[in-house]
């Protein structure tokens, strides 16, 4: 999973895990900022989809089967 800023293109976090608890713990480092995310792009993994809906429930979520973001 990669978290990046679409505006600047800077990568904020790269995590190689499919465990929800690990992903959630990593994003707690960002504090309340993660809740302000407006757009999320995720692959179709149920874990990633659950993670996106949990940490940024107000964000627009798009899914793809390839790991490509722009």
PDB file of N, CA and C in Angstrom:
ATOM      1  N   UNK A   1       0.846  -1.160   0.000  1.00  0.00           N
ATOM      2  CA  UNK A   1       0.000   0.000   0.000  1.00  0.00           C
ATOM      3  C   UNK A   1       0.894   1.226   0.000  1.00  0.00           C
ATOM      4  N   UNK A   2       0.509   2.215  -0.770  1.00  0.00           N
ATOM      5  CA  UNK A   2       1.243   3.469  -0.838  1.00  0.00           C
ATOM      6  C   UNK A   2       0.288   4.617  -0.561  1.00  0.00           C
ATOM      7  N   UNK A   3       0.691   5.509   0.319  1.00  0.00           N
ATOM      8  CA  UNK A   3      -0.050   6.746   0.545  1.00  0.00           C
ATOM      9  C   UNK A   3       0.784   7.872  -0.037  1.00  0.00           C
ATOM     10  N   UNK A   4       0.167   8.663  -0.912  1.00  0.00           N
ATOM     11  CA  UNK A   4       0.895   9.772  -1.507  1.00  0.00           C
ATOM     12  C   UNK A   4      -0.011  10.987  -1.623  1.00  0.00           C
ATOM     13  N   UNK A   5       0.625  12.127  -1.821  1.00  0.00           N
ATOM     14  CA  UNK A   5      -0.092  13.376  -2.003  1.00  0.00           C
ATOM     15  C   UNK A   5      -0.254  13.602  -3.499  1.00  0.00           C
ATOM     16  N   UNK A   6      -1.492  13.591  -3.971  1.00  0.00           N
ATOM     17  CA  UNK A   6      -1.745  13.737  -5.399  1.00  0.00           C
ATOM     18  C   UNK A   6      -1.228  15.078  -5.923  1.00  0.00           C
ATOM     19  N   UNK A   7      -1.345  16.108  -5.128  1.00  0.00           N
ATOM     20  CA  UNK A   7      -0.926  17.442  -5.555  1.00  0.00           C
ATOM     21  C   UNK A   7       0.572  17.581  -5.733  1.00  0.00           C
ATOM     22  N   UNK A   8       1.329  17.038  -4.799  1.00  0.00           N
ATOM     23  CA  UNK A   8       2.786  17.188  -4.852  1.00  0.00           C
ATOM     24  C   UNK A   8       3.487  15.964  -5.422  1.00  0.00           C
ATOM     25  N   UNK A   9       2.805  14.826  -5.417  1.00  0.00           N
ATOM     26  CA  UNK A   9       3.418  13.596  -5.884  1.00  0.00           C
ATOM     27  C   UNK A   9       4.339  12.948  -4.867  1.00  0.00           C
ATOM     28  N   UNK A  10       4.416  13.527  -3.677  1.00  0.00           N
ATOM     29  CA  UNK A  10       5.297  12.984  -2.639  1.00  0.00           C
ATOM     30  C   UNK A  10       4.662  11.765  -1.983  1.00  0.00           C
ATOM     31  N   UNK A  11       5.483  10.774  -1.715  1.00  0.00           N
ATOM     32  CA  UNK A  11       5.022   9.555  -1.046  1.00  0.00           C
ATOM     33  C   UNK A  11       5.113   9.760   0.452  1.00  0.00           C
ATOM     34  N   UNK A  12       4.006   9.478   1.153  1.00  0.00           N
ATOM     35  CA  UNK A  12       3.956   9.652   2.605  1.00  0.00           C
ATOM     36  C   UNK A  12       4.192   8.337   3.330  1.00  0.00           C
ATOM     37  N   UNK A  13       3.817   7.215   2.701  1.00  0.00           N
ATOM     38  CA  UNK A  13       3.935   5.922   3.379  1.00  0.00           C
ATOM     39  C   UNK A  13       3.908   4.805   2.354  1.00  0.00           C
ATOM     40  N   UNK A  14       4.792   3.835   2.525  1.00  0.00           N
ATOM     41  CA  UNK A  14       4.756   2.605   1.751  1.00  0.00           C
ATOM     42  C   UNK A  14       4.727   1.467   2.760  1.00  0.00           C
ATOM     43  N   UNK A  15       3.731   0.606   2.640  1.00  0.00           N
ATOM     44  CA  UNK A  15       3.601  -0.523   3.568  1.00  0.00           C
ATOM     45  C   UNK A  15       3.380  -1.801   2.780  1.00  0.00           C
ATOM     46  N   UNK A  16       4.112  -2.831   3.115  1.00  0.00           N
ATOM     47  CA  UNK A  16       3.960  -4.116   2.444  1.00  0.00           C
ATOM     48  C   UNK A  16       3.316  -5.095   3.421  1.00  0.00           C
ATOM     49  N   UNK A  17       2.021  -4.949   3.586  1.00  0.00           N
ATOM     50  CA  UNK A  17       1.286  -5.826   4.489  1.00  0.00           C
ATOM     51  C   UNK A  17      -0.160  -5.908   4.046  1.00  0.00           C
ATOM     52  N   UNK A  18      -0.799  -6.993   4.383  1.00  0.00           N
ATOM     53  CA  UNK A  18      -2.230  -7.157   4.146  1.00  0.00           C
ATOM     54  C   UNK A  18      -2.970  -7.321   5.462  1.00  0.00           C
ATOM     55  N   UNK A  19      -2.347  -6.914   6.543  1.00  0.00           N
ATOM     56  CA  UNK A  19      -2.989  -7.033   7.848  1.00  0.00           C
ATOM     57  C   UNK A  19      -3.562  -5.679   8.249  1.00  0.00           C
ATOM     58  N   UNK A  20      -4.876  -5.657   8.412  1.00  0.00           N
ATOM     59  CA  UNK A  20      -5.584  -4.428   8.721  1.00  0.00           C
ATOM     60  C   UNK A  20      -4.994  -3.728   9.936  1.00  0.00           C
ATOM     61  N   UNK A  21      -4.701  -4.478  10.985  1.00  0.00           N
ATOM     62  CA  UNK A  21      -4.197  -3.890  12.227  1.00  0.00           C
ATOM     63  C   UNK A  21      -2.871  -3.175  12.006  1.00  0.00           C
ATOM     64  N   UNK A  22      -2.002  -3.739  11.178  1.00  0.00           N
ATOM     65  CA  UNK A  22      -0.713  -3.109  10.895  1.00  0.00           C
ATOM     66  C   UNK A  22      -0.899  -1.820  10.100  1.00  0.00           C
ATOM     67  N   UNK A  23      -1.761  -1.866   9.100  1.00  0.00           N
ATOM     68  CA  UNK A  23      -2.029  -0.660   8.309  1.00  0.00           C
ATOM     69  C   UNK A  23      -2.616   0.444   9.171  1.00  0.00           C
ATOM     70  N   UNK A  24      -3.565   0.078   9.999  1.00  0.00           N
ATOM     71  CA  UNK A  24      -4.217   1.057  10.862  1.00  0.00           C
ATOM     72  C   UNK A  24      -3.205   1.689  11.818  1.00  0.00           C
ATOM     73  N   UNK A  25      -2.335   0.877  12.396  1.00  0.00           N
ATOM     74  CA  UNK A  25      -1.316   1.386  13.321  1.00  0.00           C
ATOM     75  C   UNK A  25      -0.354   2.343  12.612  1.00  0.00           C
ATOM     76  N   UNK A  26       0.010   2.036  11.380  1.00  0.00           N
ATOM     77  CA  UNK A  26       0.920   2.906  10.631  1.00  0.00           C
ATOM     78  C   UNK A  26       0.311   4.276  10.358  1.00  0.00           C
ATOM     79  N   UNK A  27      -0.961   4.325  10.068  1.00  0.00           N
ATOM     80  CA  UNK A  27      -1.585   5.605   9.736  1.00  0.00           C
ATOM     81  C   UNK A  27      -1.882   6.445  10.970  1.00  0.00           C
ATOM     82  N   UNK A  28      -1.849   5.876  12.145  1.00  0.00           N
ATOM     83  CA  UNK A  28      -2.050   6.664  13.361  1.00  0.00           C
ATOM     84  C   UNK A  28      -0.941   7.693  13.527  1.00  0.00           C
ATOM     85  N   UNK A  29       0.196   7.457  12.871  1.00  0.00           N
ATOM     86  CA  UNK A  29       1.310   8.410  12.877  1.00  0.00           C
ATOM     87  C   UNK A  29       0.885   9.768  12.285  1.00  0.00           C
ATOM     88  N   UNK A  30      -0.074   9.743  11.366  1.00  0.00           N
ATOM     89  CA  UNK A  30      -0.536  10.962  10.706  1.00  0.00           C
ATOM     90  C   UNK A  30      -1.594  11.709  11.508  1.00  0.00           C
ATOM     91  N   UNK A  31      -2.039  11.137  12.609  1.00  0.00           N
ATOM     92  CA  UNK A  31      -3.039  11.789  13.451  1.00  0.00           C
ATOM     93  C   UNK A  31      -4.348  11.995  12.723  1.00  0.00           C
ATOM     94  N   UNK A  32      -4.984  13.132  12.935  1.00  0.00           N
ATOM     95  CA  UNK A  32      -6.280  13.424  12.327  1.00  0.00           C
ATOM     96  C   UNK A  32      -6.177  13.758  10.840  1.00  0.00           C
ATOM     97  N   UNK A  33      -4.983  13.960  10.334  1.00  0.00           N
ATOM     98  CA  UNK A  33      -4.810  14.321   8.926  1.00  0.00           C
ATOM     99  C   UNK A  33      -5.385  13.274   7.986  1.00  0.00           C
ATOM    100  N   UNK A  34      -5.270  12.015   8.355  1.00  0.00           N
ATOM    101  CA  UNK A  34      -5.736  10.937   7.481  1.00  0.00           C
ATOM    102  C   UNK A  34      -7.256  10.988   7.299  1.00  0.00           C
ATOM    103  N   UNK A  35      -7.958  11.564   8.247  1.00  0.00           N
ATOM    104  CA  UNK A  35      -9.406  11.679   8.135  1.00  0.00           C
ATOM    105  C   UNK A  35      -9.825  12.783   7.164  1.00  0.00           C
ATOM    106  N   UNK A  36      -8.881  13.644   6.772  1.00  0.00           N
ATOM    107  CA  UNK A  36      -9.159  14.738   5.846  1.00  0.00           C
ATOM    108  C   UNK A  36      -8.935  14.344   4.387  1.00  0.00           C
ATOM    109  N   UNK A  37      -8.535  13.113   4.163  1.00  0.00           N
ATOM    110  CA  UNK A  37      -8.282  12.636   2.802  1.00  0.00           C
ATOM    111  C   UNK A  37      -9.565  12.730   1.984  1.00  0.00           C
ATOM    112  N   UNK A  38      -9.452  13.241   0.755  1.00  0.00           N
ATOM    113  CA  UNK A  38     -10.621  13.425  -0.086  1.00  0.00           C
ATOM    114  C   UNK A  38     -10.805  12.308  -1.111  1.00  0.00           C
ATOM    115  N   UNK A  39      -9.708  11.735  -1.594  1.00  0.00           N
ATOM    116  CA  UNK A  39      -9.770  10.709  -2.621  1.00  0.00           C
ATOM    117  C   UNK A  39      -8.848   9.549  -2.257  1.00  0.00           C
ATOM    118  N   UNK A  40      -9.315   8.331  -2.480  1.00  0.00           N
ATOM    119  CA  UNK A  40      -8.508   7.139  -2.255  1.00  0.00           C
ATOM    120  C   UNK A  40      -8.609   6.240  -3.477  1.00  0.00           C
ATOM    121  N   UNK A  41      -7.493   5.628  -3.828  1.00  0.00           N
ATOM    122  CA  UNK A  41      -7.452   4.654  -4.909  1.00  0.00           C
ATOM    123  C   UNK A  41      -6.885   3.378  -4.319  1.00  0.00           C
ATOM    124  N   UNK A  42      -7.581   2.276  -4.477  1.00  0.00           N
ATOM    125  CA  UNK A  42      -7.174   1.021  -3.857  1.00  0.00           C
ATOM    126  C   UNK A  42      -7.330  -0.118  -4.852  1.00  0.00           C
ATOM    127  N   UNK A  43      -6.538  -1.181  -4.641  1.00  0.00           N
ATOM    128  CA  UNK A  43      -6.838  -2.373  -5.420  1.00  0.00           C
ATOM    129  C   UNK A  43      -8.083  -3.012  -4.809  1.00  0.00           C
ATOM    130  N   UNK A  44      -8.481  -4.153  -5.286  1.00  0.00           N
ATOM    131  CA  UNK A  44      -9.761  -4.723  -4.869  1.00  0.00           C
ATOM    132  C   UNK A  44      -9.651  -5.675  -3.673  1.00  0.00           C
ATOM    133  N   UNK A  45      -8.551  -5.611  -2.950  1.00  0.00           N
ATOM    134  CA  UNK A  45      -8.378  -6.431  -1.761  1.00  0.00           C
ATOM    135  C   UNK A  45      -9.405  -6.028  -0.695  1.00  0.00           C
ATOM    136  N   UNK A  46     -10.135  -6.990  -0.139  1.00  0.00           N
ATOM    137  CA  UNK A  46     -11.106  -6.668   0.914  1.00  0.00           C
ATOM    138  C   UNK A  46     -10.461  -5.968   2.116  1.00  0.00           C
ATOM    139  N   UNK A  47      -9.224  -6.314   2.426  1.00  0.00           N
ATOM    140  CA  UNK A  47      -8.535  -5.687   3.552  1.00  0.00           C
ATOM    141  C   UNK A  47      -8.291  -4.205   3.260  1.00  0.00           C
ATOM    142  N   UNK A  48      -7.794  -3.897   2.059  1.00  0.00           N
ATOM    143  CA  UNK A  48      -7.540  -2.503   1.705  1.00  0.00           C
ATOM    144  C   UNK A  48      -8.835  -1.697   1.644  1.00  0.00           C
ATOM    145  N   UNK A  49      -9.891  -2.294   1.111  1.00  0.00           N
ATOM    146  CA  UNK A  49     -11.165  -1.584   1.036  1.00  0.00           C
ATOM    147  C   UNK A  49     -11.695  -1.279   2.437  1.00  0.00           C
ATOM    148  N   UNK A  50     -11.598  -2.247   3.343  1.00  0.00           N
ATOM    149  CA  UNK A  50     -12.023  -2.022   4.732  1.00  0.00           C
ATOM    150  C   UNK A  50     -11.168  -0.929   5.372  1.00  0.00           C
ATOM    151  N   UNK A  51      -9.876  -0.988   5.122  1.00  0.00           N
ATOM    152  CA  UNK A  51      -8.960   0.011   5.667  1.00  0.00           C
ATOM    153  C   UNK A  51      -9.331   1.412   5.186  1.00  0.00           C
ATOM    154  N   UNK A  52      -9.549   1.561   3.897  1.00  0.00           N
ATOM    155  CA  UNK A  52      -9.899   2.873   3.329  1.00  0.00           C
ATOM    156  C   UNK A  52     -11.190   3.409   3.936  1.00  0.00           C
ATOM    157  N   UNK A  53     -12.189   2.566   4.054  1.00  0.00           N
ATOM    158  CA  UNK A  53     -13.472   3.008   4.601  1.00  0.00           C
ATOM    159  C   UNK A  53     -13.375   3.349   6.087  1.00  0.00           C
ATOM    160  N   UNK A  54     -12.448   2.723   6.785  1.00  0.00           N
ATOM    161  CA  UNK A  54     -12.296   2.956   8.222  1.00  0.00           C
ATOM    162  C   UNK A  54     -11.530   4.236   8.518  1.00  0.00           C
ATOM    163  N   UNK A  55     -10.385   4.426   7.859  1.00  0.00           N
ATOM    164  CA  UNK A  55      -9.540   5.574   8.198  1.00  0.00           C
ATOM    165  C   UNK A  55      -9.992   6.873   7.553  1.00  0.00           C
ATOM    166  N   UNK A  56     -10.630   6.795   6.402  1.00  0.00           N
ATOM    167  CA  UNK A  56     -11.093   7.998   5.695  1.00  0.00           C
ATOM    168  C   UNK A  56     -12.510   7.775   5.169  1.00  0.00           C
ATOM    169  N   UNK A  57     -13.478   7.705   6.080  1.00  0.00           N
ATOM    170  CA  UNK A  57     -14.840   7.339   5.672  1.00  0.00           C
ATOM    171  C   UNK A  57     -15.504   8.340   4.730  1.00  0.00           C
ATOM    172  N   UNK A  58     -15.046   9.577   4.697  1.00  0.00           N
ATOM    173  CA  UNK A  58     -15.669  10.580   3.832  1.00  0.00           C
ATOM    174  C   UNK A  58     -14.987  10.713   2.474  1.00  0.00           C
ATOM    175  N   UNK A  59     -13.926   9.962   2.247  1.00  0.00           N
ATOM    176  CA  UNK A  59     -13.187  10.063   0.989  1.00  0.00           C
ATOM    177  C   UNK A  59     -13.906   9.322  -0.134  1.00  0.00           C
ATOM    178  N   UNK A  60     -13.731   9.819  -1.354  1.00  0.00           N
ATOM    179  CA  UNK A  60     -14.246   9.129  -2.525  1.00  0.00           C
ATOM    180  C   UNK A  60     -13.287   7.984  -2.829  1.00  0.00           C
ATOM    181  N   UNK A  61     -13.801   6.771  -2.900  1.00  0.00           N
ATOM    182  CA  UNK A  61     -12.975   5.581  -3.078  1.00  0.00           C
ATOM    183  C   UNK A  61     -13.152   5.021  -4.480  1.00  0.00           C
ATOM    184  N   UNK A  62     -12.043   4.850  -5.185  1.00  0.00           N
ATOM    185  CA  UNK A  62     -12.061   4.182  -6.484  1.00  0.00           C
ATOM    186  C   UNK A  62     -11.209   2.932  -6.375  1.00  0.00           C
ATOM    187  N   UNK A  63     -11.579   1.912  -7.107  1.00  0.00           N
ATOM    188  CA  UNK A  63     -10.816   0.657  -7.074  1.00  0.00           C
ATOM    189  C   UNK A  63     -10.344   0.314  -8.470  1.00  0.00           C
ATOM    190  N   UNK A  64      -9.242  -0.415  -8.515  1.00  0.00           N
ATOM    191  CA  UNK A  64      -8.728  -0.931  -9.765  1.00  0.00           C
ATOM    192  C   UNK A  64      -8.057  -2.254  -9.501  1.00  0.00           C
ATOM    193  N   UNK A  65      -7.878  -3.027 -10.552  1.00  0.00           N
ATOM    194  CA  UNK A  65      -7.242  -4.314 -10.349  1.00  0.00           C
ATOM    195  C   UNK A  65      -5.732  -4.252 -10.526  1.00  0.00           C
ATOM    196  N   UNK A  66      -5.243  -3.108 -10.951  1.00  0.00           N
ATOM    197  CA  UNK A  66      -3.810  -2.899 -11.121  1.00  0.00           C
ATOM    198  C   UNK A  66      -3.345  -1.872 -10.097  1.00  0.00           C
ATOM    199  N   UNK A  67      -2.093  -1.930  -9.737  1.00  0.00           N
ATOM    200  CA  UNK A  67      -1.568  -1.013  -8.721  1.00  0.00           C
ATOM    201  C   UNK A  67      -0.973   0.231  -9.381  1.00  0.00           C
ATOM    202  N   UNK A  68      -1.794   0.965 -10.096  1.00  0.00           N
ATOM    203  CA  UNK A  68      -1.337   2.149 -10.812  1.00  0.00           C
ATOM    204  C   UNK A  68      -2.104   3.357 -10.295  1.00  0.00           C
ATOM    205  N   UNK A  69      -1.391   4.392  -9.894  1.00  0.00           N
ATOM    206  CA  UNK A  69      -2.016   5.643  -9.510  1.00  0.00           C
ATOM    207  C   UNK A  69      -1.366   6.777 -10.275  1.00  0.00           C
ATOM    208  N   UNK A  70      -2.094   7.832 -10.477  1.00  0.00           N
ATOM    209  CA  UNK A  70      -1.519   8.989 -11.178  1.00  0.00           C
ATOM    210  C   UNK A  70      -1.949  10.264 -10.507  1.00  0.00           C
TER     211      UNK A  70
END
